[in-house]
Amino acid sequence: MKEGPDLELGQIVQDDKSRQISGQECVVNGKRKDRNDVEAELEVQPERPLDDLTTQPPPLQSESRYGPNKQNELGPTPTSLSTVEARRVTASYPTSPANPRNWTGRRKMLITITLALTGFISTMGSSIGIPGMHAVRDEFGVGFRVGVLIPGAYVLGLGTGPFIFAPISELYGRQIAYTSSQVTYCIFFLGTGFSNDMAALIVLRFFCGVFASVPPSLGVATCADMYEPSQRGKPISIYALGPLSGPILGNMLGYWLLYFGWRWAYYFMTILSTLNTILLILVMRETYAPVIQKILVYESIHHPSSASHTENRFNPINWFPDLSWMPAMVSKSEMLSVYGKAFSRPPRLLFTNPVAFAFSMYYAYLYGLIYLFLTTIPLLFGSPPFAQNDLFSYGWPQGTLPLSYLGLGLGFCSAAIVAANCQDRIYRYLSKRNGDKGQPEYRLVLTQTGMIIMPIGLFIYGWTANSHTHWIAPIIGQYLIGIGLVLPFNTIQNFLVDAFHPYSAAAIAGATAARSIVACILPLFATEMFVKLDWGWGNTLLACVAILGVPCPFVMFLCGKRLRERYAFQG
């Protein structure tokens, strides 16, 4: 059987009682049929690629589509008794109420906002412990670089988690991935507050990051499940604001919670994440089309009396995912295939495709800069123990130090508003002007803008950070840095999804792993870099690295289609 790009779809374990074959006749569901007729009906069809994040299955046109020389591009194509039902389900799916793209705009936006909030809390957990690092180091007797692993271990977990939960979402659906990960996340976060040594704290922080990785890594794919390509810009921009603003607000909140002791940052996150998990369970529904189709096929075969009501499981009253269909619809070979590809495909795509590599590296650099600033802004604006004696600081007290992040946070919000309102308009305008259905490169207009703004912000931030300049000047530089970080970060995600279809999941997974590694490493050397180079030359170095990536979106915008065809990934 030919495999689709991501996994075999629709491998159903058959019920021996439902089919009895004897001689030249067989009994199917109580009706006698000729063996040849049954075998013709039960012909196994090729599978549909499962990591197709961007298209819905087309309606059934004719029986000729199922000939041996035609690849079935419809949803699940299970074996044996399920073939007829699979055809019926996939033919009606584009107009089905179970199809997330047919849900009301209000319902889709409610899920999008809930995922943004969940992503916000997931990334907030990475930074809320940063203000208390010096207290943890003093209590456990460790050095600065070990202390930096408090956020670093969490970020590494954020990069590891997608390799575990992306296959789960493909096999069993988005809903089970979100629900199971967030419940476990709450348990591990509670454990961090009761850690008695540094090793336990770092290990627990890593596992917190693993289970927190689902909203940041699957959120874009979930939005793609619900929205057409020309409608995705606004919801993805709204969603992306959550994971991006989480580290900023988490850091700010951490300074105020530090008055109650460093452990209270983790207790507070446990309470907040538990409340959010309850909200997620109430709001989230399955959105992944191949899994929804599997469920509908399973229901129509095993519960034919209620077949007309199978779509009700996707209504708002169903708070928990139904697991009864999984043993029959997911085979062991399918599961092994999915996990094998989940671990092998992202690195192959990342290191063999120059387009994926270039944009993933810049994407990772942007994410690394976010955590670099989270750990170094207190050095510029704070007072000991948050500042260094051999490095200039404005000397703000602990109570007002969180306000030093406002410039960066406002830049994030401004960029998200611009992206939400302009990205789809730009995409539709360029599609209309060029007379096509849209190209991935149309997403890169805002990327180009942000990549020019960010080095300017870095120069202003670095060279105004001195005793002769008012503190508002570096705050303005922060604001420009925030805009320059979010505009490319947001649009590169969209570009990777569109440009590497049907291998979008692999592209996002590779970029996510790269960004987590960079975000863990950069803060380790940031303090030493600024102490030796000072604020001006240190930020100049960061700006020069950023400038190296500026030509990429311009070249891709002009030659993108040719480059994508030349370096097409074969899976």
Foldseek 3Di string as FASTA:
>chain_A
DDAEPFFFFFAFDDDPVQWADDDQWIAGNRDIDGPVVQCVQFDFAGAAHQLQLADAAEADDDPVCRDPVHHRNFFGCHGHPLNVVLNVLRNCVVVDPLQLQPDDPVLLLVLLLLLLQLLLLLLLCLALLLVCLVVQCVLQVDDDLLSLLLSLLLLLLLLPQLLPLVLVCSQARLQVLLLVLLVVLLVLLLVLLVDDHSVSNSVSSNSNSNSSNSSVQCSLSLLSLNDHLLQSQQSLLSSVLRNLCNNLVSNLVSLVLCVVPSSVSSVVSSVVSVVSSVVCLQRDFGRRNNNLSLQLSQCCVPPVVCSVVSSVCRDSVNRHDDPVSNVRGADPVRSVSNSVCSVPVLVCCCPQAPLLVLLLLLLLLLLLVSLQCSQCLCQAADAPPSHDPLAHHVHDYSNCSSVSSVLLSLLQVVLSVCRNPPQSVQQVVVCVVVVHPGDLLSLCPLLLVLLVQQLVLLQQLQVQRDPVHDSVRNSPSSSSNNNSSNSNNSSSLSSLLRLQPPCSSSSSSNSSSSNSVSNSPSNSCSVVLCSVLNRNVSSNVSSVVSVVSNCSSVCCSVCVVVSCVVSPDPD
